[in-house]
């Protein structure tokens, strides 16, 4: 019985926190403005979140750093292709080509 109460209290606390933090922007409307420094910092949030998701998978192979990781090589090729071209497809095609070549062709 006690475990069930703690579960519901935890779910209520999480839900309330979510509603309060997200609802504060909606309820405040135009009157609630973020400081300019915070607005500038929030522009980098999507790139930081994407990096936090991708980098561990690129750098670690079976939980340890391996410089011969084919995903790391493909990631480097993707970064170079993205910097050199404005095409959204070229980095994708080049990275997948290198990854497939290293995995299937060379057996890495």
Protein backbone atom coordinates (compact mmCIF):
# COMPACT_ATOMS: atom_id res chain seq x y z
CA UNK A 1 0.00 0.00 0.00
CA UNK A 2 2.75 2.45 0.95
CA UNK A 3 4.64 1.79 -2.29
CA UNK A 4 1.53 2.69 -4.30
CA UNK A 5 1.17 6.01 -2.47
CA UNK A 6 4.80 6.92 -3.12
CA UNK A 7 4.39 6.01 -6.77
CA UNK A 8 1.37 8.30 -7.16
CA UNK A 9 3.07 11.11 -5.25
CA UNK A 10 6.11 10.82 -7.50
CA UNK A 11 3.99 10.83 -10.65
CA UNK A 12 2.06 13.86 -9.37
CA UNK A 13 5.30 15.71 -8.56
CA UNK A 14 6.77 14.97 -11.99
CA UNK A 15 3.56 15.99 -13.75
CA UNK A 16 3.24 19.19 -11.73
CA UNK A 17 6.83 20.15 -12.46
CA UNK A 18 6.32 19.60 -16.17
CA UNK A 19 3.09 21.59 -16.26
CA UNK A 20 4.52 24.47 -14.23
CA UNK A 21 7.71 24.84 -16.25
CA UNK A 22 6.02 24.58 -19.65
CA UNK A 23 2.87 26.40 -18.65
CA UNK A 24 4.75 29.39 -17.31
CA UNK A 25 5.68 30.39 -20.87
CA UNK A 26 2.14 29.95 -22.15
CA UNK A 27 0.40 31.72 -19.28
CA UNK A 28 2.93 34.57 -19.19
CA UNK A 29 2.44 35.36 -22.87
CA UNK A 30 4.27 38.41 -24.19
CA UNK A 31 4.66 39.82 -20.69
CA UNK A 32 7.10 37.09 -19.71
CA UNK A 33 10.27 37.61 -21.73
CA UNK A 34 13.53 35.80 -21.30
CA UNK A 35 16.67 37.88 -20.84
CA UNK A 36 18.59 38.42 -24.11
CA UNK A 37 21.62 36.47 -22.85
CA UNK A 38 19.42 33.44 -22.12
CA UNK A 39 17.73 33.73 -25.52
CA UNK A 40 21.14 33.69 -27.22
CA UNK A 41 22.26 30.70 -25.14
CA UNK A 42 19.09 28.73 -25.96
CA UNK A 43 19.87 28.93 -29.68
CA UNK A 44 22.57 26.30 -29.08
CA UNK A 45 20.32 23.88 -27.17
CA UNK A 46 19.27 21.73 -30.19
CA UNK A 47 22.88 21.27 -31.35
CA UNK A 48 23.99 20.45 -27.80
CA UNK A 49 21.19 17.90 -27.38
CA UNK A 50 22.00 16.27 -30.72
CA UNK A 51 25.69 16.11 -29.83
CA UNK A 52 24.88 14.54 -26.47
CA UNK A 53 22.92 11.81 -28.25
CA UNK A 54 25.37 11.12 -31.08
CA UNK A 55 28.87 11.50 -29.60
CA UNK A 56 28.79 8.51 -27.19
CA UNK A 57 27.75 6.24 -30.05
CA UNK A 58 30.49 7.61 -32.31
CA UNK A 59 33.28 7.47 -29.75
CA UNK A 60 32.51 4.25 -27.87
CA UNK A 61 32.50 0.74 -29.23
CA UNK A 62 31.30 -1.90 -26.75
CA UNK A 63 31.64 0.62 -23.92
CA UNK A 64 35.28 1.57 -24.57
CA UNK A 65 37.00 4.09 -26.81
CA UNK A 66 38.34 2.47 -29.96
CA UNK A 67 40.11 4.62 -32.58
CA UNK A 68 39.45 1.88 -35.18
CA UNK A 69 35.69 2.27 -34.71
CA UNK A 70 34.01 2.39 -38.16
CA UNK A 71 31.31 4.71 -36.81
CA UNK A 72 33.98 7.21 -35.77
CA UNK A 73 35.53 7.14 -39.24
CA UNK A 74 32.11 7.60 -40.85
CA UNK A 75 31.36 10.47 -38.46
CA UNK A 76 34.58 12.23 -39.41
CA UNK A 77 33.70 11.84 -43.10
CA UNK A 78 30.21 13.23 -42.41
CA UNK A 79 31.64 16.24 -40.59
CA UNK A 80 34.10 16.96 -43.41
CA UNK A 81 31.42 16.58 -46.09
CA UNK A 82 29.05 18.85 -44.17
CA UNK A 83 31.71 21.55 -43.81
CA UNK A 84 32.79 21.37 -47.46
CA UNK A 85 29.36 21.22 -49.10
CA UNK A 86 26.01 22.88 -48.57
CA UNK A 87 24.13 19.77 -49.69
CA UNK A 88 22.08 18.03 -47.00
CA UNK A 89 22.40 14.67 -48.79
CA UNK A 90 26.15 14.51 -49.45
CA UNK A 91 27.19 14.02 -45.79
CA UNK A 92 24.56 11.32 -45.36
CA UNK A 93 25.59 9.45 -48.52
CA UNK A 94 29.33 9.80 -47.83
CA UNK A 95 28.99 8.69 -44.19
CA UNK A 96 26.85 5.67 -45.01
CA UNK A 97 29.20 4.76 -47.87
CA UNK A 98 32.23 4.80 -45.56
CA UNK A 99 30.39 2.90 -42.82
CA UNK A 100 29.20 0.20 -45.24
CA UNK A 101 32.63 -0.06 -46.85
CA UNK A 102 34.36 -0.47 -43.49
CA UNK A 103 31.81 -2.88 -42.02
CA UNK A 104 30.89 -5.04 -45.02
CA UNK A 105 33.89 -4.54 -47.27
CA UNK A 106 36.73 -4.66 -44.75
CA UNK A 107 34.90 -6.52 -41.98
CA UNK A 108 35.55 -4.02 -39.17
